[in-house]
Amino acid sequence: MGLLAWLVVGLIAGWLASQVMRGGSYGLIGDIIVGAVGAVIGGFLAANLLNMPDAVTGINVTSILVAFVGAVILIAILRLVSGRRR
């Protein structure tokens, strides 16, 4: 997946996750980072738990869903570590 695709998928997934987790947005750069790291986490989980080795492959619905799930998990972990609750 190219850099532009990572940015687009990361932005969409990070923004959706921040809206679902009701923590407010992390800003443009923060949403991209949360979404991109979420894509890595979601891809790892999809490969190991669901036997989907190529879950994040580009700008498509599957990639965005996998990145979204990973981003939600990342936000939940960050909130547990920081102790911030909303």
PDB file of N, CA and C in Angstrom:
ATOM      1  N   MET A   1       0.862  -1.167   0.000  1.00  0.00           N
ATOM      2  CA  MET A   1       0.000   0.000   0.000  1.00  0.00           C
ATOM      3  C   MET A   1       0.903   1.222   0.000  1.00  0.00           C
ATOM      4  N   GLY A   2       0.611   2.177  -0.851  1.00  0.00           N
ATOM      5  CA  GLY A   2       1.417   3.368  -0.966  1.00  0.00           C
ATOM      6  C   GLY A   2       1.171   4.367   0.149  1.00  0.00           C
ATOM      7  N   LEU A   3       2.037   5.353   0.217  1.00  0.00           N
ATOM      8  CA  LEU A   3       1.961   6.367   1.268  1.00  0.00           C
ATOM      9  C   LEU A   3       0.640   7.128   1.219  1.00  0.00           C
ATOM     10  N   LEU A   4       0.191   7.501   0.044  1.00  0.00           N
ATOM     11  CA  LEU A   4      -1.070   8.233  -0.077  1.00  0.00           C
ATOM     12  C   LEU A   4      -2.242   7.386   0.408  1.00  0.00           C
ATOM     13  N   ALA A   5      -2.238   6.112   0.083  1.00  0.00           N
ATOM     14  CA  ALA A   5      -3.307   5.226   0.541  1.00  0.00           C
ATOM     15  C   ALA A   5      -3.292   5.100   2.064  1.00  0.00           C
ATOM     16  N   TRP A   6      -2.092   4.980   2.683  1.00  0.00           N
ATOM     17  CA  TRP A   6      -1.990   4.932   4.144  1.00  0.00           C
ATOM     18  C   TRP A   6      -2.548   6.205   4.768  1.00  0.00           C
ATOM     19  N   LEU A   7      -2.255   7.355   4.159  1.00  0.00           N
ATOM     20  CA  LEU A   7      -2.754   8.624   4.681  1.00  0.00           C
ATOM     21  C   LEU A   7      -4.269   8.714   4.599  1.00  0.00           C
ATOM     22  N   VAL A   8      -4.833   8.315   3.474  1.00  0.00           N
ATOM     23  CA  VAL A   8      -6.286   8.402   3.289  1.00  0.00           C
ATOM     24  C   VAL A   8      -7.005   7.420   4.214  1.00  0.00           C
ATOM     25  N   VAL A   9      -6.541   6.162   4.228  1.00  0.00           N
ATOM     26  CA  VAL A   9      -7.164   5.161   5.101  1.00  0.00           C
ATOM     27  C   VAL A   9      -6.992   5.561   6.559  1.00  0.00           C
ATOM     28  N   GLY A  10      -5.805   6.046   6.917  1.00  0.00           N
ATOM     29  CA  GLY A  10      -5.553   6.485   8.289  1.00  0.00           C
ATOM     30  C   GLY A  10      -6.434   7.642   8.698  1.00  0.00           C
ATOM     31  N   LEU A  11      -6.610   8.605   7.817  1.00  0.00           N
ATOM     32  CA  LEU A  11      -7.460   9.758   8.124  1.00  0.00           C
ATOM     33  C   LEU A  11      -8.907   9.338   8.332  1.00  0.00           C
ATOM     34  N   ILE A  12      -9.430   8.527   7.427  1.00  0.00           N
ATOM     35  CA  ILE A  12     -10.826   8.096   7.533  1.00  0.00           C
ATOM     36  C   ILE A  12     -11.036   7.247   8.788  1.00  0.00           C
ATOM     37  N   ALA A  13     -10.168   6.254   8.983  1.00  0.00           N
ATOM     38  CA  ALA A  13     -10.327   5.352  10.133  1.00  0.00           C
ATOM     39  C   ALA A  13     -10.102   6.088  11.449  1.00  0.00           C
ATOM     40  N   GLY A  14      -9.107   6.957  11.504  1.00  0.00           N
ATOM     41  CA  GLY A  14      -8.839   7.717  12.722  1.00  0.00           C
ATOM     42  C   GLY A  14      -9.968   8.660  13.073  1.00  0.00           C
ATOM     43  N   TRP A  15     -10.529   9.320  12.077  1.00  0.00           N
ATOM     44  CA  TRP A  15     -11.641  10.232  12.323  1.00  0.00           C
ATOM     45  C   TRP A  15     -12.872   9.461  12.792  1.00  0.00           C
ATOM     46  N   LEU A  16     -13.189   8.347  12.111  1.00  0.00           N
ATOM     47  CA  LEU A  16     -14.340   7.540  12.519  1.00  0.00           C
ATOM     48  C   LEU A  16     -14.172   7.009  13.938  1.00  0.00           C
ATOM     49  N   ALA A  17     -12.984   6.525  14.253  1.00  0.00           N
ATOM     50  CA  ALA A  17     -12.738   5.983  15.593  1.00  0.00           C
ATOM     51  C   ALA A  17     -12.858   7.061  16.659  1.00  0.00           C
ATOM     52  N   SER A  18     -12.341   8.248  16.383  1.00  0.00           N
ATOM     53  CA  SER A  18     -12.438   9.323  17.379  1.00  0.00           C
ATOM     54  C   SER A  18     -13.886   9.766  17.579  1.00  0.00           C
ATOM     55  N   GLN A  19     -14.703   9.672  16.540  1.00  0.00           N
ATOM     56  CA  GLN A  19     -16.116  10.012  16.669  1.00  0.00           C
ATOM     57  C   GLN A  19     -16.866   8.943  17.455  1.00  0.00           C
ATOM     58  N   VAL A  20     -16.577   7.681  17.191  1.00  0.00           N
ATOM     59  CA  VAL A  20     -17.251   6.583  17.879  1.00  0.00           C
ATOM     60  C   VAL A  20     -16.846   6.535  19.343  1.00  0.00           C
ATOM     61  N   MET A  21     -15.590   6.806  19.626  1.00  0.00           N
ATOM     62  CA  MET A  21     -15.097   6.744  20.999  1.00  0.00           C
ATOM     63  C   MET A  21     -15.439   8.019  21.776  1.00  0.00           C
ATOM     64  N   ARG A  22     -16.087   8.972  21.174  1.00  0.00           N
ATOM     65  CA  ARG A  22     -16.576  10.209  21.799  1.00  0.00           C
ATOM     66  C   ARG A  22     -15.496  10.964  22.570  1.00  0.00           C
ATOM     67  N   GLY A  23     -14.304  10.996  22.012  1.00  0.00           N
ATOM     68  CA  GLY A  23     -13.238  11.719  22.674  1.00  0.00           C
ATOM     69  C   GLY A  23     -12.893  13.000  21.956  1.00  0.00           C
ATOM     70  N   GLY A  24     -13.635  13.317  20.943  1.00  0.00           N
ATOM     71  CA  GLY A  24     -13.278  14.455  20.128  1.00  0.00           C
ATOM     72  C   GLY A  24     -12.184  14.065  19.162  1.00  0.00           C
ATOM     73  N   SER A  25     -11.947  14.883  18.220  1.00  0.00           N
ATOM     74  CA  SER A  25     -10.941  14.600  17.213  1.00  0.00           C
ATOM     75  C   SER A  25      -9.543  14.877  17.750  1.00  0.00           C
ATOM     76  N   TYR A  26      -8.572  14.203  17.197  1.00  0.00           N
ATOM     77  CA  TYR A  26      -7.172  14.430  17.562  1.00  0.00           C
ATOM     78  C   TYR A  26      -6.505  15.407  16.599  1.00  0.00           C
ATOM     79  N   GLY A  27      -7.290  16.004  15.749  1.00  0.00           N
ATOM     80  CA  GLY A  27      -6.739  16.885  14.728  1.00  0.00           C
ATOM     81  C   GLY A  27      -6.385  16.081  13.489  1.00  0.00           C
ATOM     82  N   LEU A  28      -6.074  16.753  12.422  1.00  0.00           N
ATOM     83  CA  LEU A  28      -5.795  16.091  11.149  1.00  0.00           C
ATOM     84  C   LEU A  28      -4.620  15.124  11.264  1.00  0.00           C
ATOM     85  N   ILE A  29      -3.504  15.595  11.761  1.00  0.00           N
ATOM     86  CA  ILE A  29      -2.312  14.753  11.874  1.00  0.00           C
ATOM     87  C   ILE A  29      -2.541  13.635  12.895  1.00  0.00           C
ATOM     88  N   GLY A  30      -3.168  13.952  14.013  1.00  0.00           N
ATOM     89  CA  GLY A  30      -3.443  12.944  15.038  1.00  0.00           C
ATOM     90  C   GLY A  30      -4.355  11.843  14.533  1.00  0.00           C
ATOM     91  N   ASP A  31      -5.399  12.213  13.775  1.00  0.00           N
ATOM     92  CA  ASP A  31      -6.299  11.212  13.210  1.00  0.00           C
ATOM     93  C   ASP A  31      -5.575  10.319  12.210  1.00  0.00           C
ATOM     94  N   ILE A  32      -4.703  10.893  11.409  1.00  0.00           N
ATOM     95  CA  ILE A  32      -3.940  10.095  10.450  1.00  0.00           C
ATOM     96  C   ILE A  32      -3.044   9.103  11.185  1.00  0.00           C
ATOM     97  N   ILE A  33      -2.367   9.575  12.235  1.00  0.00           N
ATOM     98  CA  ILE A  33      -1.470   8.695  12.992  1.00  0.00           C
ATOM     99  C   ILE A  33      -2.264   7.596  13.689  1.00  0.00           C
ATOM    100  N   VAL A  34      -3.360   7.962  14.349  1.00  0.00           N
ATOM    101  CA  VAL A  34      -4.187   6.960  15.031  1.00  0.00           C
ATOM    102  C   VAL A  34      -4.725   5.944  14.027  1.00  0.00           C
ATOM    103  N   GLY A  35      -5.174   6.406  12.883  1.00  0.00           N
ATOM    104  CA  GLY A  35      -5.697   5.495  11.857  1.00  0.00           C
ATOM    105  C   GLY A  35      -4.627   4.601  11.259  1.00  0.00           C
ATOM    106  N   ALA A  36      -3.432   5.150  11.000  1.00  0.00           N
ATOM    107  CA  ALA A  36      -2.347   4.348  10.427  1.00  0.00           C
ATOM    108  C   ALA A  36      -1.861   3.300  11.420  1.00  0.00           C
ATOM    109  N   VAL A  37      -1.683   3.690  12.680  1.00  0.00           N
ATOM    110  CA  VAL A  37      -1.291   2.719  13.703  1.00  0.00           C
ATOM    111  C   VAL A  37      -2.425   1.712  13.910  1.00  0.00           C
ATOM    112  N   GLY A  38      -3.651   2.188  13.850  1.00  0.00           N
ATOM    113  CA  GLY A  38      -4.805   1.288  13.933  1.00  0.00           C
ATOM    114  C   GLY A  38      -4.831   0.289  12.790  1.00  0.00           C
ATOM    115  N   ALA A  39      -4.421   0.709  11.603  1.00  0.00           N
ATOM    116  CA  ALA A  39      -4.347  -0.209  10.466  1.00  0.00           C
ATOM    117  C   ALA A  39      -3.324  -1.308  10.722  1.00  0.00           C
ATOM    118  N   VAL A  40      -2.213  -0.954  11.330  1.00  0.00           N
ATOM    119  CA  VAL A  40      -1.200  -1.961  11.658  1.00  0.00           C
ATOM    120  C   VAL A  40      -1.752  -2.933  12.703  1.00  0.00           C
ATOM    121  N   ILE A  41      -2.371  -2.391  13.752  1.00  0.00           N
ATOM    122  CA  ILE A  41      -2.952  -3.239  14.806  1.00  0.00           C
ATOM    123  C   ILE A  41      -4.068  -4.110  14.229  1.00  0.00           C
ATOM    124  N   GLY A  42      -4.973  -3.501  13.489  1.00  0.00           N
ATOM    125  CA  GLY A  42      -6.078  -4.255  12.888  1.00  0.00           C
ATOM    126  C   GLY A  42      -5.594  -5.296  11.894  1.00  0.00           C
ATOM    127  N   GLY A  43      -4.591  -4.959  11.113  1.00  0.00           N
ATOM    128  CA  GLY A  43      -4.031  -5.923  10.166  1.00  0.00           C
ATOM    129  C   GLY A  43      -3.391  -7.105  10.862  1.00  0.00           C
ATOM    130  N   PHE A  44      -2.687  -6.832  11.959  1.00  0.00           N
ATOM    131  CA  PHE A  44      -2.075  -7.902  12.742  1.00  0.00           C
ATOM    132  C   PHE A  44      -3.145  -8.823  13.321  1.00  0.00           C
ATOM    133  N   LEU A  45      -4.185  -8.218  13.897  1.00  0.00           N
ATOM    134  CA  LEU A  45      -5.262  -9.019  14.485  1.00  0.00           C
ATOM    135  C   LEU A  45      -6.030  -9.807  13.416  1.00  0.00           C
ATOM    136  N   ALA A  46      -6.299  -9.183  12.275  1.00  0.00           N
ATOM    137  CA  ALA A  46      -7.022  -9.871  11.205  1.00  0.00           C
ATOM    138  C   ALA A  46      -6.209 -11.042  10.661  1.00  0.00           C
ATOM    139  N   ALA A  47      -4.897 -10.858  10.553  1.00  0.00           N
ATOM    140  CA  ALA A  47      -4.052 -11.935  10.048  1.00  0.00           C
ATOM    141  C   ALA A  47      -3.982 -13.094  11.030  1.00  0.00           C
ATOM    142  N   ASN A  48      -3.913 -12.795  12.314  1.00  0.00           N
ATOM    143  CA  ASN A  48      -3.742 -13.855  13.301  1.00  0.00           C
ATOM    144  C   ASN A  48      -5.050 -14.463  13.793  1.00  0.00           C
ATOM    145  N   LEU A  49      -6.090 -13.667  13.925  1.00  0.00           N
ATOM    146  CA  LEU A  49      -7.343 -14.183  14.462  1.00  0.00           C
ATOM    147  C   LEU A  49      -8.335 -14.616  13.382  1.00  0.00           C
ATOM    148  N   LEU A  50      -8.361 -13.909  12.270  1.00  0.00           N
ATOM    149  CA  LEU A  50      -9.336 -14.194  11.216  1.00  0.00           C
ATOM    150  C   LEU A  50      -8.723 -14.847   9.989  1.00  0.00           C
ATOM    151  N   ASN A  51      -7.410 -15.100  10.031  1.00  0.00           N
ATOM    152  CA  ASN A  51      -6.688 -15.724   8.923  1.00  0.00           C
ATOM    153  C   ASN A  51      -6.847 -14.933   7.616  1.00  0.00           C
ATOM    154  N   MET A  52      -6.737 -13.607   7.722  1.00  0.00           N
ATOM    155  CA  MET A  52      -6.794 -12.706   6.572  1.00  0.00           C
ATOM    156  C   MET A  52      -5.431 -12.010   6.441  1.00  0.00           C
ATOM    157  N   PRO A  53      -4.479 -12.619   5.753  1.00  0.00           N
ATOM    158  CA  PRO A  53      -3.123 -12.046   5.740  1.00  0.00           C
ATOM    159  C   PRO A  53      -3.013 -10.686   5.041  1.00  0.00           C
ATOM    160  N   ASP A  54      -3.885 -10.394   4.101  1.00  0.00           N
ATOM    161  CA  ASP A  54      -3.829  -9.123   3.373  1.00  0.00           C
ATOM    162  C   ASP A  54      -5.089  -8.306   3.632  1.00  0.00           C
ATOM    163  N   ALA A  55      -5.353  -7.991   4.891  1.00  0.00           N
ATOM    164  CA  ALA A  55      -6.592  -7.291   5.246  1.00  0.00           C
ATOM    165  C   ALA A  55      -6.544  -5.817   4.862  1.00  0.00           C
ATOM    166  N   VAL A  56      -5.369  -5.200   4.932  1.00  0.00           N
ATOM    167  CA  VAL A  56      -5.225  -3.782   4.599  1.00  0.00           C
ATOM    168  C   VAL A  56      -4.424  -3.702   3.302  1.00  0.00           C
ATOM    169  N   THR A  57      -5.131  -3.484   2.190  1.00  0.00           N
ATOM    170  CA  THR A  57      -4.477  -3.549   0.885  1.00  0.00           C
ATOM    171  C   THR A  57      -4.572  -2.274   0.067  1.00  0.00           C
ATOM    172  N   GLY A  58      -5.310  -1.312   0.499  1.00  0.00           N
ATOM    173  CA  GLY A  58      -5.473  -0.088  -0.268  1.00  0.00           C
ATOM    174  C   GLY A  58      -6.676   0.678   0.225  1.00  0.00           C
ATOM    175  N   ILE A  59      -7.145   1.576  -0.599  1.00  0.00           N
ATOM    176  CA  ILE A  59      -8.307   2.385  -0.219  1.00  0.00           C
ATOM    177  C   ILE A  59      -9.559   1.618  -0.629  1.00  0.00           C
ATOM    178  N   ASN A  60     -10.085   0.837   0.308  1.00  0.00           N
ATOM    179  CA  ASN A  60     -11.316   0.082   0.089  1.00  0.00           C
ATOM    180  C   ASN A  60     -12.024  -0.098   1.426  1.00  0.00           C
ATOM    181  N   VAL A  61     -13.235  -0.608   1.386  1.00  0.00           N
ATOM    182  CA  VAL A  61     -14.056  -0.718   2.593  1.00  0.00           C
ATOM    183  C   VAL A  61     -13.410  -1.665   3.603  1.00  0.00           C
ATOM    184  N   THR A  62     -12.872  -2.783   3.144  1.00  0.00           N
ATOM    185  CA  THR A  62     -12.253  -3.745   4.053  1.00  0.00           C
ATOM    186  C   THR A  62     -11.083  -3.128   4.798  1.00  0.00           C
ATOM    187  N   SER A  63     -10.229  -2.423   4.089  1.00  0.00           N
ATOM    188  CA  SER A  63      -9.078  -1.791   4.720  1.00  0.00           C
ATOM    189  C   SER A  63      -9.508  -0.748   5.739  1.00  0.00           C
ATOM    190  N   ILE A  64     -10.501   0.040   5.399  1.00  0.00           N
ATOM    191  CA  ILE A  64     -10.982   1.074   6.321  1.00  0.00           C
ATOM    192  C   ILE A  64     -11.606   0.435   7.562  1.00  0.00           C
ATOM    193  N   LEU A  65     -12.375  -0.652   7.389  1.00  0.00           N
ATOM    194  CA  LEU A  65     -12.962  -1.341   8.536  1.00  0.00           C
ATOM    195  C   LEU A  65     -11.903  -1.936   9.453  1.00  0.00           C
ATOM    196  N   VAL A  66     -10.906  -2.570   8.876  1.00  0.00           N
ATOM    197  CA  VAL A  66      -9.828  -3.163   9.675  1.00  0.00           C
ATOM    198  C   VAL A  66      -9.064  -2.065  10.412  1.00  0.00           C
ATOM    199  N   ALA A  67      -8.751  -0.979   9.721  1.00  0.00           N
ATOM    200  CA  ALA A  67      -8.041   0.136  10.349  1.00  0.00           C
ATOM    201  C   ALA A  67      -8.901   0.795  11.424  1.00  0.00           C
ATOM    202  N   PHE A  68     -10.195   0.895  11.186  1.00  0.00           N
ATOM    203  CA  PHE A  68     -11.112   1.469  12.169  1.00  0.00           C
ATOM    204  C   PHE A  68     -11.129   0.645  13.454  1.00  0.00           C
ATOM    205  N   VAL A  69     -11.241  -0.671  13.327  1.00  0.00           N
ATOM    206  CA  VAL A  69     -11.243  -1.540  14.507  1.00  0.00           C
ATOM    207  C   VAL A  69      -9.923  -1.405  15.261  1.00  0.00           C
ATOM    208  N   GLY A  70      -8.822  -1.384  14.529  1.00  0.00           N
ATOM    209  CA  GLY A  70      -7.526  -1.199  15.174  1.00  0.00           C
ATOM    210  C   GLY A  70      -7.399   0.154  15.853  1.00  0.00           C
ATOM    211  N   ALA A  71      -7.948   1.195  15.235  1.00  0.00           N
ATOM    212  CA  ALA A  71      -7.887   2.537  15.820  1.00  0.00           C
ATOM    213  C   ALA A  71      -8.734   2.628  17.082  1.00  0.00           C
ATOM    214  N   VAL A  72      -9.891   1.980  17.099  1.00  0.00           N
ATOM    215  CA  VAL A  72     -10.723   1.959  18.303  1.00  0.00           C
ATOM    216  C   VAL A  72      -9.979   1.254  19.436  1.00  0.00           C
ATOM    217  N   ILE A  73      -9.335   0.140  19.120  1.00  0.00           N
ATOM    218  CA  ILE A  73      -8.547  -0.583  20.124  1.00  0.00           C
ATOM    219  C   ILE A  73      -7.411   0.305  20.627  1.00  0.00           C
ATOM    220  N   LEU A  74      -6.730   1.005  19.722  1.00  0.00           N
ATOM    221  CA  LEU A  74      -5.634   1.894  20.110  1.00  0.00           C
ATOM    222  C   LEU A  74      -6.119   3.014  21.027  1.00  0.00           C
ATOM    223  N   ILE A  75      -7.238   3.642  20.697  1.00  0.00           N
ATOM    224  CA  ILE A  75      -7.773   4.723  21.528  1.00  0.00           C
ATOM    225  C   ILE A  75      -8.154   4.184  22.908  1.00  0.00           C
ATOM    226  N   ALA A  76      -8.768   3.005  22.949  1.00  0.00           N
ATOM    227  CA  ALA A  76      -9.134   2.411  24.240  1.00  0.00           C
ATOM    228  C   ALA A  76      -7.893   2.144  25.087  1.00  0.00           C
ATOM    229  N   ILE A  77      -6.833   1.630  24.475  1.00  0.00           N
ATOM    230  CA  ILE A  77      -5.581   1.369  25.205  1.00  0.00           C
ATOM    231  C   ILE A  77      -4.970   2.677  25.686  1.00  0.00           C
ATOM    232  N   LEU A  78      -4.964   3.692  24.825  1.00  0.00           N
ATOM    233  CA  LEU A  78      -4.406   4.991  25.221  1.00  0.00           C
ATOM    234  C   LEU A  78      -5.171   5.592  26.392  1.00  0.00           C
ATOM    235  N   ARG A  79      -6.479   5.435  26.396  1.00  0.00           N
ATOM    236  CA  ARG A  79      -7.281   5.958  27.505  1.00  0.00           C
ATOM    237  C   ARG A  79      -7.046   5.180  28.787  1.00  0.00           C
ATOM    238  N   LEU A  80      -6.844   3.869  28.678  1.00  0.00           N
ATOM    239  CA  LEU A  80      -6.541   3.064  29.864  1.00  0.00           C
ATOM    240  C   LEU A  80      -5.201   3.466  30.466  1.00  0.00           C
ATOM    241  N   VAL A  81      -4.222   3.700  29.599  1.00  0.00           N
ATOM    242  CA  VAL A  81      -2.881   4.062  30.069  1.00  0.00           C
ATOM    243  C   VAL A  81      -2.874   5.456  30.677  1.00  0.00           C
ATOM    244  N   SER A  82      -3.553   6.388  30.035  1.00  0.00           N
ATOM    245  CA  SER A  82      -3.530   7.780  30.522  1.00  0.00           C
ATOM    246  C   SER A  82      -4.526   8.025  31.648  1.00  0.00           C
ATOM    247  N   GLY A  83      -5.502   7.142  31.806  1.00  0.00           N
ATOM    248  CA  GLY A  83      -6.498   7.313  32.849  1.00  0.00           C
ATOM    249  C   GLY A  83      -7.587   8.298  32.490  1.00  0.00           C
ATOM    250  N   ARG A  84      -7.601   8.764  31.257  1.00  0.00           N
ATOM    251  CA  ARG A  84      -8.602   9.731  30.818  1.00  0.00           C
ATOM    252  C   ARG A  84      -9.907   9.000  30.485  1.00  0.00           C
ATOM    253  N   ARG A  85     -10.989   9.426  31.070  1.00  0.00           N
ATOM    254  CA  ARG A  85     -12.286   8.784  30.837  1.00  0.00           C
ATOM    255  C   ARG A  85     -13.292   9.843  30.385  1.00  0.00           C
ATOM    256  N   ARG A  86     -14.133   9.449  29.413  1.00  0.00           N
ATOM    257  CA  ARG A  86     -15.193  10.345  28.946  1.00  0.00           C
ATOM    258  C   ARG A  86     -16.452   9.571  28.778  1.00  0.00           C
TER     259      ARG A  86
END
